[in-house]
């Protein structure tokens, strides 16, 4: 999609975030810029998601020093959905190690829809990456827990540590998704047939459904993203959640796959690892600097928040966050 930010001057080589008041000003401008856009549609294939207010819009920046900058509907709750995939993947890498998770789940983009069955068959049963449903189900299945209840507790507790508060399931979303998740059940059974899931596939789907139904807001997403940006330490609570090496691996997977089949376009335009969810959430990470959480329910055809992408593109340019944007002359001029 056209992110419509060409008129914004590209800031590069900032090294650090601007002062807080400047961030607040840029945040307000990013929201004003994105609010002009009304294209896209609220997800309706999960019935309860169709009831979301299409005009809801919140944007939060959480820096690695614990500072929070918010604008708009940042405390409106919504279900985390596929954004949870990134953080469960990080927890699993921390528990099992990079090589084992890479072997079972992979990191390559499928180039197909997030719930594709064809992608599994084309790759001889390999899920390919943890940000599509097949990879997410395989990831959840590998989490520790000798029962479904224990598995769920480990997933929920881990995601809560990223957010810095106890996350709760939105029961209405969970029931709605559980009644319509036949495709995920089919994907899990297919993965079982290839030996990629070795526990009860329907229990795995149920835990994954609960995982996606966890209730968050834009502030939570920003803090979760900032935890990855800060080498695995939650900048609000000060707790180490995962290792710095795990953050590196997770951000690499996000850069390649975080916005599904639009991931290449996203990386070219924004230049940051990010992850979207079909409830309208979007988390973006500037390594060493900040996490950005956005909520705007209107989605593009790939399932990514329209306003969230536009506002994040604005901030990436204005705050000098793009990891590919560099200008050695900026450093030369700044040198004493």
Protein backbone atom coordinates (compact mmCIF):
# COMPACT_ATOMS: atom_id res chain seq x y z
CA UNK A 1 0.00 0.00 0.00
CA UNK A 2 1.05 3.61 -0.51
CA UNK A 3 2.10 4.85 2.94
CA UNK A 4 1.93 8.49 1.80
CA UNK A 5 4.94 9.81 3.75
CA UNK A 6 7.14 11.04 0.91
CA UNK A 7 6.79 14.65 2.02
CA UNK A 8 8.29 13.91 5.46
CA UNK A 9 12.01 14.58 5.67
CA UNK A 10 13.96 11.38 6.32
CA UNK A 11 15.96 11.71 9.55
CA UNK A 12 19.01 9.45 9.69
CA UNK A 13 21.84 8.50 12.02
CA UNK A 14 20.22 10.03 15.07
CA UNK A 15 21.87 7.50 17.38
CA UNK A 16 19.21 8.14 20.02
CA UNK A 17 15.64 9.33 20.24
CA UNK A 18 14.96 13.08 20.27
CA UNK A 19 13.92 14.75 23.56
CA UNK A 20 10.55 13.75 25.02
CA UNK A 21 8.64 16.89 23.97
CA UNK A 22 9.78 16.36 20.37
CA UNK A 23 8.56 12.76 20.47
CA UNK A 24 5.18 13.95 21.76
CA UNK A 25 4.93 16.47 18.92
CA UNK A 26 5.87 13.93 16.27
CA UNK A 27 3.40 11.46 17.78
CA UNK A 28 0.56 13.95 17.47
CA UNK A 29 1.55 14.74 13.90
CA UNK A 30 1.76 11.05 13.00
CA UNK A 31 -1.79 10.49 14.29
CA UNK A 32 -3.09 13.58 12.49
CA UNK A 33 -1.44 12.43 9.28
CA UNK A 34 -2.80 8.87 9.49
CA UNK A 35 -6.30 9.90 10.61
CA UNK A 36 -6.99 11.30 7.13
CA UNK A 37 -7.11 7.73 5.84
CA UNK A 38 -10.35 5.79 5.92
CA UNK A 39 -9.53 2.93 3.56
CA UNK A 40 -9.48 -0.68 4.68
CA UNK A 41 -12.04 -2.75 6.54
CA UNK A 42 -12.49 -4.15 10.02
CA UNK A 43 -11.91 -7.92 10.18
CA UNK A 44 -15.18 -9.84 10.12
CA UNK A 45 -14.16 -13.48 9.62
CA UNK A 46 -14.02 -13.71 13.42
CA UNK A 47 -17.51 -12.41 14.29
CA UNK A 48 -16.65 -10.48 17.45
CA UNK A 49 -13.92 -8.50 15.69
CA UNK A 50 -16.49 -7.02 13.33
CA UNK A 51 -17.93 -5.02 16.25
CA UNK A 52 -14.75 -2.92 16.66
CA UNK A 53 -15.05 0.84 16.24
CA UNK A 54 -13.40 1.53 12.87
CA UNK A 55 -12.42 5.05 14.01
CA UNK A 56 -10.56 3.94 17.14
CA UNK A 57 -6.94 5.00 16.86
CA UNK A 58 -4.15 5.00 19.44
CA UNK A 59 -0.39 5.33 19.14
CA UNK A 60 2.24 4.86 21.86
CA UNK A 61 6.04 5.11 21.88
CA UNK A 62 7.91 3.37 24.72
CA UNK A 63 11.62 4.08 24.87
CA UNK A 64 14.25 1.78 26.35
CA UNK A 65 14.70 4.12 29.31
CA UNK A 66 11.11 3.52 30.40
CA UNK A 67 9.58 6.69 28.99
CA UNK A 68 6.06 6.46 27.57
CA UNK A 69 4.53 8.81 25.00
CA UNK A 70 0.86 8.32 24.11
CA UNK A 71 -1.69 9.86 21.78
CA UNK A 72 -5.31 8.91 21.12
CA UNK A 73 -7.03 5.69 22.14
CA UNK A 74 -3.99 4.01 23.71
CA UNK A 75 -5.98 2.42 26.56
CA UNK A 76 -8.71 0.88 24.38
CA UNK A 77 -8.41 -2.89 24.79
CA UNK A 78 -8.36 -5.33 21.88
CA UNK A 79 -7.18 -8.90 21.34
CA UNK A 80 -3.50 -9.37 20.61
CA UNK A 81 -4.11 -11.94 17.86
CA UNK A 82 -1.07 -12.75 15.69
CA UNK A 83 1.18 -10.26 17.46
CA UNK A 84 1.44 -12.91 20.16
CA UNK A 85 3.37 -15.09 17.71
CA UNK A 86 6.48 -12.93 17.97
CA UNK A 87 6.66 -13.09 21.74
CA UNK A 88 5.90 -16.80 22.08
CA UNK A 89 8.65 -17.38 19.52
CA UNK A 90 11.04 -15.35 21.66
CA UNK A 91 10.10 -17.32 24.77
CA UNK A 92 10.63 -20.60 22.94
CA UNK A 93 14.03 -19.54 21.56
CA UNK A 94 15.04 -18.58 25.08
CA UNK A 95 14.01 -22.00 26.36
CA UNK A 96 15.22 -24.30 23.58
CA UNK A 97 17.89 -22.35 21.76
CA UNK A 98 18.19 -20.89 18.29
CA UNK A 99 19.19 -24.02 16.38
CA UNK A 100 16.38 -26.28 17.63
CA UNK A 101 13.66 -23.71 16.93
CA UNK A 102 15.14 -22.91 13.51
CA UNK A 103 15.09 -26.61 12.64
CA UNK A 104 11.44 -27.16 13.57
CA UNK A 105 9.84 -23.81 12.75
CA UNK A 106 12.14 -21.93 10.33
CA UNK A 107 12.34 -18.24 9.42
CA UNK A 108 11.72 -18.01 5.66
CA UNK A 109 8.76 -16.12 4.21
CA UNK A 110 6.15 -18.31 2.51
CA UNK A 111 4.94 -15.55 0.20
CA UNK A 112 1.41 -16.80 0.85
CA UNK A 113 -1.42 -15.91 3.19
CA UNK A 114 -0.93 -16.29 6.96
CA UNK A 115 -3.38 -19.22 7.14
CA UNK A 116 -2.23 -21.01 4.00
CA UNK A 117 -2.38 -24.80 3.90
CA UNK A 118 -0.73 -24.92 0.50
CA UNK A 119 2.46 -23.44 1.95
CA UNK A 120 2.82 -26.44 4.26
CA UNK A 121 2.40 -28.97 1.48
CA UNK A 122 4.74 -27.09 -0.87
CA UNK A 123 7.47 -27.23 1.78
CA UNK A 124 7.13 -30.90 2.73
CA UNK A 125 5.36 -30.17 5.99
CA UNK A 126 7.75 -27.47 7.20
CA UNK A 127 5.91 -24.49 8.75
CA UNK A 128 8.61 -22.16 7.27
CA UNK A 129 8.35 -19.33 9.82
CA UNK A 130 6.78 -18.54 13.22
CA UNK A 131 4.66 -15.60 12.01
CA UNK A 132 2.23 -17.62 9.90
CA UNK A 133 -0.36 -19.79 11.59
CA UNK A 134 1.39 -23.09 10.86
CA UNK A 135 4.63 -21.87 12.38
CA UNK A 136 2.84 -20.31 15.33
CA UNK A 137 1.04 -23.55 16.10
CA UNK A 138 4.32 -25.46 15.93
CA UNK A 139 5.93 -22.84 18.20
CA UNK A 140 3.16 -23.00 20.79
CA UNK A 141 3.30 -26.82 20.72
CA UNK A 142 6.99 -26.74 21.63
CA UNK A 143 6.49 -24.58 24.73
CA UNK A 144 7.02 -26.31 28.07
CA UNK A 145 4.09 -27.89 29.87
CA UNK A 146 3.16 -31.51 30.51
CA UNK A 147 -0.56 -30.69 30.22
CA UNK A 148 -2.70 -28.25 28.27
CA UNK A 149 -3.25 -26.20 31.43
CA UNK A 150 0.46 -26.00 32.17
CA UNK A 151 1.23 -25.14 28.56
CA UNK A 152 -1.31 -22.32 28.63
CA UNK A 153 0.01 -20.99 31.95
CA UNK A 154 3.54 -20.81 30.56
CA UNK A 155 2.41 -18.96 27.44
CA UNK A 156 0.24 -16.48 29.35
CA UNK A 157 2.85 -15.83 32.03
CA UNK A 158 5.57 -15.25 29.44
CA UNK A 159 3.52 -12.75 27.44
CA UNK A 160 2.54 -10.97 30.66
CA UNK A 161 6.21 -10.51 31.54
CA UNK A 162 6.76 -8.84 28.18
CA UNK A 163 3.83 -6.49 28.84
CA UNK A 164 4.82 -5.81 32.43
CA UNK A 165 1.37 -6.69 33.77
CA UNK A 166 -0.88 -9.73 34.05
CA UNK A 167 -2.72 -10.18 30.74
CA UNK A 168 -6.21 -11.66 30.72
CA UNK A 169 -8.16 -13.49 28.03
CA UNK A 170 -11.09 -11.72 26.41
CA UNK A 171 -13.60 -14.54 26.84
CA UNK A 172 -15.94 -13.21 24.15
CA UNK A 173 -13.12 -13.18 21.60
CA UNK A 174 -11.96 -16.62 22.71
CA UNK A 175 -15.41 -18.14 22.32
CA UNK A 176 -15.91 -16.50 18.94
CA UNK A 177 -12.56 -17.74 17.63
CA UNK A 178 -12.97 -21.21 19.13
CA UNK A 179 -16.24 -21.57 17.23
CA UNK A 180 -14.60 -20.64 13.92
CA UNK A 181 -11.07 -22.07 14.09
CA UNK A 182 -11.62 -25.17 11.96
CA UNK A 183 -8.87 -24.07 9.57
CA UNK A 184 -6.31 -23.90 12.36
CA UNK A 185 -7.45 -27.33 13.52
CA UNK A 186 -6.84 -28.65 10.00
CA UNK A 187 -3.40 -27.00 9.89
CA UNK A 188 -2.48 -28.52 13.26
CA UNK A 189 -3.56 -32.00 12.17
CA UNK A 190 -1.57 -31.61 8.96
CA UNK A 191 1.51 -30.61 10.94
CA UNK A 192 0.95 -33.63 13.20
CA UNK A 193 0.94 -35.88 10.13
CA UNK A 194 4.37 -34.51 9.20
CA UNK A 195 5.69 -34.96 12.75
CA UNK A 196 5.96 -31.21 13.39
CA UNK A 197 3.50 -31.37 16.31
CA UNK A 198 3.92 -34.25 18.72
CA UNK A 199 1.25 -33.41 21.31
CA UNK A 200 -2.54 -33.35 20.93
CA UNK A 201 -3.08 -30.95 17.99
CA UNK A 202 -6.52 -29.85 19.19
CA UNK A 203 -5.11 -28.94 22.61
CA UNK A 204 -2.44 -26.91 20.84
CA UNK A 205 -5.08 -25.08 18.79
CA UNK A 206 -7.05 -24.30 21.95
CA UNK A 207 -3.98 -22.84 23.70
CA UNK A 208 -3.11 -20.87 20.56
CA UNK A 209 -6.68 -19.54 20.40
CA UNK A 210 -6.48 -18.38 24.03
CA UNK A 211 -3.09 -16.84 23.29
CA UNK A 212 -4.55 -14.79 20.44
CA UNK A 213 -7.50 -13.71 22.61
CA UNK A 214 -5.34 -12.06 25.28
CA UNK A 215 -6.51 -8.49 25.83
CA UNK A 216 -3.94 -5.70 25.32
CA UNK A 217 -3.85 -2.02 24.44
CA UNK A 218 -1.45 0.10 22.39
CA UNK A 219 0.60 0.91 25.49
CA UNK A 220 1.09 -2.80 26.19
CA UNK A 221 2.31 -3.38 22.64
CA UNK A 222 4.75 -0.50 22.91
CA UNK A 223 6.20 -1.88 26.15
CA UNK A 224 6.41 -5.39 24.68
CA UNK A 225 8.21 -3.99 21.66
CA UNK A 226 10.53 -1.91 23.83
CA UNK A 227 11.47 -5.08 25.73
CA UNK A 228 12.75 -6.56 22.47
CA UNK A 229 14.44 -3.24 21.66
CA UNK A 230 16.17 -3.24 25.06
CA UNK A 231 17.86 -6.61 24.70
CA UNK A 232 15.14 -8.52 26.52
CA UNK A 233 14.79 -6.28 29.60
CA UNK A 234 11.35 -4.79 30.19
CA UNK A 235 12.11 -1.05 30.47
CA UNK A 236 9.11 -0.44 32.75
CA UNK A 237 9.54 -3.30 35.26
CA UNK A 238 13.30 -3.77 34.87
CA UNK A 239 12.80 -7.56 34.59
CA UNK A 240 14.86 -9.56 32.12
CA UNK A 241 12.37 -11.57 30.07
CA UNK A 242 14.64 -13.13 27.41
CA UNK A 243 18.28 -12.83 26.39
CA UNK A 244 19.71 -10.24 24.03
CA UNK A 245 20.55 -13.02 21.56
CA UNK A 246 16.92 -14.11 21.51
CA UNK A 247 15.84 -10.53 20.79
CA UNK A 248 18.20 -10.45 17.83
CA UNK A 249 16.78 -13.68 16.43
CA UNK A 250 13.19 -12.59 17.02
CA UNK A 251 13.68 -9.23 15.33
CA UNK A 252 15.28 -10.93 12.34
CA UNK A 253 12.24 -13.20 11.99
CA UNK A 254 9.94 -10.18 12.29
CA UNK A 255 11.83 -8.24 9.66
CA UNK A 256 11.41 -11.10 7.20
CA UNK A 257 7.86 -12.15 8.02
CA UNK A 258 6.07 -9.80 10.41
CA UNK A 259 3.57 -8.33 7.96
CA UNK A 260 2.88 -11.54 6.06
CA UNK A 261 3.13 -11.29 2.27
CA UNK A 262 3.58 -7.50 2.55
CA UNK A 263 6.71 -7.88 4.69
CA UNK A 264 9.08 -6.86 1.90
CA UNK A 265 7.13 -3.68 1.16
CA UNK A 266 6.97 -2.86 4.87
CA UNK A 267 10.71 -3.30 5.33
CA UNK A 268 11.47 -1.18 2.27
CA UNK A 269 9.20 1.66 3.42
CA UNK A 270 9.59 1.60 7.21
CA UNK A 271 12.87 -0.24 7.70
CA UNK A 272 11.99 -1.78 11.06
CA UNK A 273 10.90 -5.19 12.39
CA UNK A 274 7.16 -5.23 13.06
CA UNK A 275 4.18 -7.49 13.65
CA UNK A 276 0.51 -6.99 12.92
CA UNK A 277 -2.67 -8.58 14.25
CA UNK A 278 -6.12 -8.78 12.65
CA UNK A 279 -7.79 -6.96 15.58
CA UNK A 280 -5.93 -3.84 14.39
CA UNK A 281 -2.85 -3.95 16.59
CA UNK A 282 0.66 -3.29 15.28
CA UNK A 283 3.96 -3.44 17.16
CA UNK A 284 7.19 -2.08 15.71
CA UNK A 285 10.69 -2.23 17.17
CA UNK A 286 13.62 0.14 16.69
CA UNK A 287 16.51 -1.89 18.19
CA UNK A 288 18.23 -0.12 21.03
CA UNK A 289 15.73 2.75 20.93
CA UNK A 290 12.03 2.11 21.22
CA UNK A 291 8.90 0.06 20.74
CA UNK A 292 5.88 1.52 18.95
CA UNK A 293 2.37 0.23 19.65
CA UNK A 294 -0.53 1.17 17.40
CA UNK A 295 -4.22 0.32 17.34
CA UNK A 296 -6.50 1.06 14.38
CA UNK A 297 -8.91 -1.70 13.31
CA UNK A 298 -9.23 -1.00 9.58
CA UNK A 299 -7.04 -3.52 7.75
CA UNK A 300 -5.50 -3.81 4.31
CA UNK A 301 -6.13 -7.01 2.27
CA UNK A 302 -3.19 -8.76 3.96
CA UNK A 303 -4.61 -8.15 7.45
CA UNK A 304 -2.39 -5.22 8.50
CA UNK A 305 -3.65 -2.03 10.16
CA UNK A 306 -3.87 0.76 7.57
CA UNK A 307 -3.55 3.72 9.93
CA UNK A 308 -1.04 1.84 12.07
CA UNK A 309 1.26 1.40 9.09
CA UNK A 310 0.95 5.03 7.99
CA UNK A 311 1.55 6.43 11.48
CA UNK A 312 4.52 4.12 12.03
CA UNK A 313 6.01 5.08 8.67
CA UNK A 314 5.74 8.73 9.72
CA UNK A 315 7.50 8.09 13.03
CA UNK A 316 10.20 5.98 11.39
CA UNK A 317 11.12 8.86 9.12
CA UNK A 318 10.63 11.71 11.59
CA UNK A 319 12.50 10.06 14.49
CA UNK A 320 15.28 8.56 12.38
CA UNK A 321 14.42 4.96 13.23
CA UNK A 322 14.91 3.21 9.87
CA UNK A 323 17.76 0.74 10.41
CA UNK A 324 18.73 0.98 6.74
CA UNK A 325 18.87 4.81 6.58
CA UNK A 326 22.35 6.13 7.20
CA UNK A 327 24.34 9.17 6.17
CA UNK A 328 28.04 9.16 7.11
CA UNK A 329 28.21 12.91 6.52
CA UNK A 330 25.82 13.43 9.45
CA UNK A 331 28.37 11.84 11.74
CA UNK A 332 31.21 13.81 10.17
CA UNK A 333 29.43 17.12 10.75
CA UNK A 334 28.59 16.14 14.34
CA UNK A 335 32.18 15.21 15.18
CA UNK A 336 34.14 17.68 17.36
